[in-house]
N, C-alpha and C. Protein backbone atom coordinates (compact mmCIF):
# COMPACT_ATOMS: atom_id res chain seq x y z
N MET A 1 67.94 1.27 -110.22
CA MET A 1 68.36 0.12 -109.44
C MET A 1 67.59 0.09 -108.12
N GLU A 2 67.07 -1.06 -107.80
CA GLU A 2 66.30 -1.20 -106.57
C GLU A 2 67.22 -1.67 -105.45
N ASN A 3 66.95 -1.18 -104.27
CA ASN A 3 67.72 -1.57 -103.10
C ASN A 3 67.00 -2.75 -102.45
N ARG A 4 67.46 -3.94 -102.73
CA ARG A 4 66.83 -5.15 -102.19
C ARG A 4 67.79 -5.85 -101.24
N SER A 5 67.17 -6.48 -100.27
CA SER A 5 67.96 -7.25 -99.30
C SER A 5 67.37 -8.64 -99.24
N ILE A 6 68.21 -9.59 -99.07
CA ILE A 6 67.76 -10.98 -99.00
C ILE A 6 66.98 -11.23 -97.70
N TRP A 7 67.17 -10.35 -96.67
CA TRP A 7 66.51 -10.54 -95.38
C TRP A 7 65.21 -9.74 -95.27
N SER A 8 64.87 -8.95 -96.25
CA SER A 8 63.65 -8.15 -96.13
C SER A 8 62.46 -8.95 -96.65
N LEU A 9 61.40 -8.94 -95.90
CA LEU A 9 60.18 -9.65 -96.26
C LEU A 9 59.05 -8.63 -96.28
N HIS A 10 58.35 -8.56 -97.38
CA HIS A 10 57.28 -7.59 -97.53
C HIS A 10 56.00 -8.30 -97.93
N GLY A 11 54.91 -7.65 -97.69
CA GLY A 11 53.63 -8.12 -98.19
C GLY A 11 53.17 -9.41 -97.54
N LEU A 12 52.58 -10.26 -98.35
CA LEU A 12 51.97 -11.49 -97.84
C LEU A 12 52.99 -12.47 -97.28
N THR A 13 54.17 -12.51 -97.82
CA THR A 13 55.18 -13.44 -97.31
C THR A 13 55.52 -13.13 -95.85
N GLY A 14 55.80 -11.89 -95.55
CA GLY A 14 56.09 -11.49 -94.17
C GLY A 14 54.91 -11.70 -93.25
N TYR A 15 53.73 -11.44 -93.76
CA TYR A 15 52.51 -11.63 -92.97
C TYR A 15 52.34 -13.10 -92.61
N PHE A 16 52.48 -14.00 -93.58
CA PHE A 16 52.30 -15.43 -93.30
C PHE A 16 53.38 -15.96 -92.36
N ILE A 17 54.58 -15.48 -92.49
CA ILE A 17 55.65 -15.91 -91.57
C ILE A 17 55.34 -15.44 -90.15
N ALA A 18 54.90 -14.18 -90.00
CA ALA A 18 54.58 -13.65 -88.67
C ALA A 18 53.41 -14.39 -88.05
N VAL A 19 52.37 -14.65 -88.82
CA VAL A 19 51.20 -15.37 -88.29
C VAL A 19 51.57 -16.81 -87.93
N GLY A 20 52.36 -17.45 -88.77
CA GLY A 20 52.80 -18.82 -88.48
C GLY A 20 53.63 -18.89 -87.21
N LEU A 21 54.52 -17.92 -87.03
CA LEU A 21 55.35 -17.88 -85.82
C LEU A 21 54.48 -17.65 -84.58
N LEU A 22 53.54 -16.75 -84.65
CA LEU A 22 52.66 -16.49 -83.50
C LEU A 22 51.79 -17.71 -83.17
N LEU A 23 51.30 -18.39 -84.19
CA LEU A 23 50.50 -19.60 -83.94
C LEU A 23 51.36 -20.71 -83.33
N ALA A 24 52.59 -20.84 -83.78
CA ALA A 24 53.50 -21.86 -83.21
C ALA A 24 53.77 -21.56 -81.73
N ILE A 25 53.98 -20.30 -81.40
CA ILE A 25 54.21 -19.92 -79.99
C ILE A 25 52.96 -20.20 -79.17
N LEU A 26 51.79 -19.89 -79.71
CA LEU A 26 50.53 -20.15 -79.01
C LEU A 26 50.34 -21.64 -78.74
N VAL A 27 50.63 -22.48 -79.71
CA VAL A 27 50.50 -23.93 -79.54
C VAL A 27 51.46 -24.42 -78.48
N TRP A 28 52.71 -23.94 -78.52
CA TRP A 28 53.71 -24.39 -77.55
C TRP A 28 53.31 -23.98 -76.13
N LEU A 29 52.87 -22.75 -75.94
CA LEU A 29 52.46 -22.31 -74.60
C LEU A 29 51.22 -23.06 -74.10
N THR A 30 50.30 -23.35 -75.00
CA THR A 30 49.11 -24.10 -74.61
C THR A 30 49.46 -25.51 -74.16
N ILE A 31 50.33 -26.18 -74.90
CA ILE A 31 50.75 -27.53 -74.53
C ILE A 31 51.50 -27.51 -73.20
N ALA A 32 52.37 -26.53 -72.99
CA ALA A 32 53.10 -26.42 -71.72
C ALA A 32 52.14 -26.18 -70.56
N ALA A 33 51.11 -25.37 -70.76
CA ALA A 33 50.14 -25.10 -69.69
C ALA A 33 49.32 -26.34 -69.36
N ILE A 34 48.94 -27.10 -70.37
CA ILE A 34 48.16 -28.32 -70.13
C ILE A 34 48.99 -29.35 -69.38
N ILE A 35 50.25 -29.51 -69.76
CA ILE A 35 51.14 -30.46 -69.07
C ILE A 35 51.33 -30.05 -67.61
N THR A 36 51.57 -28.77 -67.36
CA THR A 36 51.76 -28.29 -65.99
C THR A 36 50.50 -28.47 -65.16
N GLN A 37 49.34 -28.17 -65.74
CA GLN A 37 48.09 -28.33 -65.00
C GLN A 37 47.81 -29.79 -64.68
N ASN A 38 48.10 -30.69 -65.61
CA ASN A 38 47.89 -32.12 -65.35
C ASN A 38 48.79 -32.62 -64.24
N LYS A 39 50.04 -32.18 -64.22
CA LYS A 39 50.96 -32.61 -63.16
C LYS A 39 50.54 -32.03 -61.81
N THR A 40 50.11 -30.79 -61.79
CA THR A 40 49.70 -30.15 -60.54
C THR A 40 48.40 -30.75 -60.01
N ALA A 41 47.52 -31.18 -60.91
CA ALA A 41 46.24 -31.77 -60.48
C ALA A 41 46.44 -33.11 -59.77
N GLN A 42 47.58 -33.74 -59.97
CA GLN A 42 47.87 -35.02 -59.33
C GLN A 42 48.36 -34.84 -57.89
N GLN A 43 48.65 -33.61 -57.50
CA GLN A 43 49.18 -33.36 -56.17
C GLN A 43 48.05 -33.05 -55.19
N SER A 44 48.26 -33.43 -53.95
CA SER A 44 47.37 -33.02 -52.87
C SER A 44 48.24 -32.35 -51.81
N TYR A 45 47.62 -31.65 -50.89
CA TYR A 45 48.39 -30.97 -49.87
C TYR A 45 47.70 -31.08 -48.52
N GLU A 46 48.48 -30.80 -47.49
CA GLU A 46 47.99 -30.84 -46.12
C GLU A 46 48.63 -29.69 -45.36
N VAL A 47 47.86 -29.03 -44.52
CA VAL A 47 48.38 -27.93 -43.71
C VAL A 47 48.67 -28.49 -42.32
N LYS A 48 49.93 -28.41 -41.91
CA LYS A 48 50.35 -28.87 -40.58
C LYS A 48 50.47 -27.65 -39.67
N ASP A 49 50.03 -27.79 -38.46
CA ASP A 49 50.09 -26.75 -37.44
C ASP A 49 49.47 -25.44 -37.95
N PRO A 50 48.18 -25.44 -38.23
CA PRO A 50 47.56 -24.22 -38.77
C PRO A 50 47.56 -23.05 -37.78
N PHE A 51 47.65 -23.35 -36.48
CA PHE A 51 47.65 -22.26 -35.50
C PHE A 51 49.03 -21.61 -35.37
N GLY A 52 50.04 -22.18 -36.01
CA GLY A 52 51.37 -21.58 -36.01
C GLY A 52 51.57 -20.61 -37.16
N ILE A 53 50.57 -20.47 -38.00
CA ILE A 53 50.67 -19.57 -39.14
C ILE A 53 50.46 -18.14 -38.64
N LYS A 54 51.36 -17.26 -39.04
CA LYS A 54 51.30 -15.87 -38.61
C LYS A 54 50.66 -15.01 -39.68
N MET A 55 49.91 -14.01 -39.23
CA MET A 55 49.28 -13.10 -40.19
C MET A 55 50.33 -12.19 -40.83
N PHE A 56 51.26 -11.74 -40.05
CA PHE A 56 52.32 -10.87 -40.56
C PHE A 56 53.66 -11.55 -40.32
N GLY A 57 54.54 -11.47 -41.29
CA GLY A 57 55.85 -12.07 -41.15
C GLY A 57 56.61 -11.97 -42.47
N PRO A 58 57.78 -12.58 -42.50
CA PRO A 58 58.58 -12.53 -43.73
C PRO A 58 57.86 -13.24 -44.89
N ASP A 59 58.17 -12.82 -46.09
CA ASP A 59 57.57 -13.43 -47.27
C ASP A 59 57.87 -14.92 -47.31
N LEU A 60 56.91 -15.69 -47.70
CA LEU A 60 56.99 -17.13 -47.90
C LEU A 60 57.26 -17.91 -46.62
N GLU A 61 57.23 -17.28 -45.46
CA GLU A 61 57.53 -17.96 -44.21
C GLU A 61 56.43 -18.96 -43.84
N ASN A 62 55.19 -18.66 -44.13
CA ASN A 62 54.08 -19.55 -43.77
C ASN A 62 54.02 -20.79 -44.65
N GLU A 63 54.76 -20.80 -45.73
CA GLU A 63 54.71 -21.95 -46.63
C GLU A 63 55.34 -23.19 -46.03
N LYS A 64 56.10 -23.05 -44.96
CA LYS A 64 56.71 -24.23 -44.34
C LYS A 64 55.67 -25.08 -43.62
N HIS A 65 54.45 -24.57 -43.47
CA HIS A 65 53.37 -25.33 -42.84
C HIS A 65 52.61 -26.20 -43.85
N ILE A 66 52.93 -26.06 -45.13
CA ILE A 66 52.20 -26.78 -46.18
C ILE A 66 53.03 -27.97 -46.65
N TYR A 67 52.44 -29.15 -46.61
CA TYR A 67 53.07 -30.36 -47.10
C TYR A 67 52.37 -30.78 -48.38
N VAL A 68 53.13 -30.82 -49.47
CA VAL A 68 52.58 -31.19 -50.77
C VAL A 68 52.98 -32.62 -51.07
N TYR A 69 52.01 -33.45 -51.41
CA TYR A 69 52.28 -34.84 -51.74
C TYR A 69 52.51 -34.95 -53.24
N GLY A 70 53.76 -35.11 -53.61
CA GLY A 70 54.16 -35.17 -55.02
C GLY A 70 55.50 -34.51 -55.20
N HIS A 71 55.82 -34.16 -56.42
CA HIS A 71 57.10 -33.55 -56.77
C HIS A 71 56.88 -32.12 -57.23
N PRO A 72 57.90 -31.25 -57.07
CA PRO A 72 57.76 -29.89 -57.59
C PRO A 72 57.51 -29.90 -59.10
N VAL A 73 56.65 -29.02 -59.56
CA VAL A 73 56.31 -28.95 -60.97
C VAL A 73 57.03 -27.75 -61.58
N GLY A 74 57.70 -27.96 -62.68
CA GLY A 74 58.34 -26.86 -63.40
C GLY A 74 59.59 -26.33 -62.74
N GLY A 75 60.26 -27.12 -61.93
CA GLY A 75 61.51 -26.67 -61.31
C GLY A 75 61.32 -25.58 -60.27
N ASP A 76 60.24 -25.65 -59.52
CA ASP A 76 59.94 -24.63 -58.52
C ASP A 76 60.95 -24.71 -57.38
N THR A 77 61.77 -23.68 -57.22
CA THR A 77 62.75 -23.65 -56.14
C THR A 77 62.53 -22.46 -55.22
N LYS A 78 61.61 -21.57 -55.56
CA LYS A 78 61.39 -20.36 -54.77
C LYS A 78 60.60 -20.65 -53.49
N HIS A 79 59.63 -21.52 -53.58
CA HIS A 79 58.73 -21.75 -52.46
C HIS A 79 59.34 -22.72 -51.45
N LYS A 80 58.86 -22.63 -50.21
CA LYS A 80 59.39 -23.44 -49.11
C LYS A 80 58.46 -24.57 -48.71
N TYR A 81 57.66 -25.04 -49.65
CA TYR A 81 56.77 -26.16 -49.35
C TYR A 81 57.60 -27.40 -49.05
N HIS A 82 57.05 -28.28 -48.22
CA HIS A 82 57.67 -29.57 -47.97
C HIS A 82 57.05 -30.57 -48.96
N PHE A 83 57.86 -31.12 -49.82
CA PHE A 83 57.36 -32.09 -50.78
C PHE A 83 57.57 -33.49 -50.21
N VAL A 84 56.50 -34.27 -50.18
CA VAL A 84 56.51 -35.60 -49.60
C VAL A 84 56.07 -36.58 -50.67
N GLU A 85 56.66 -37.78 -50.65
CA GLU A 85 56.24 -38.82 -51.60
C GLU A 85 54.81 -39.23 -51.32
N LYS A 86 54.08 -39.54 -52.36
CA LYS A 86 52.69 -39.99 -52.20
C LYS A 86 52.64 -41.31 -51.48
N LYS A 87 51.63 -41.47 -50.65
CA LYS A 87 51.48 -42.72 -49.89
C LYS A 87 50.54 -43.65 -50.59
């Protein structure tokens, strides 16, 4: 009597499923990267008060001097950029 399981995949079947899954993940990540890059390419930025930027200080503190024209891409909530509507 052989010990078989309905969930075990061996040989070519398991190989094709694994390769198909990896290719699907690759396609999804590539599409997400292209969408993010296209949205980011539409933004411009301006540095306000460049002489107020400190060489040493708390993390992300100098980002308040950067004004980005557009909307945050990908739900960015960590950075302290000022997002301004495009003119």
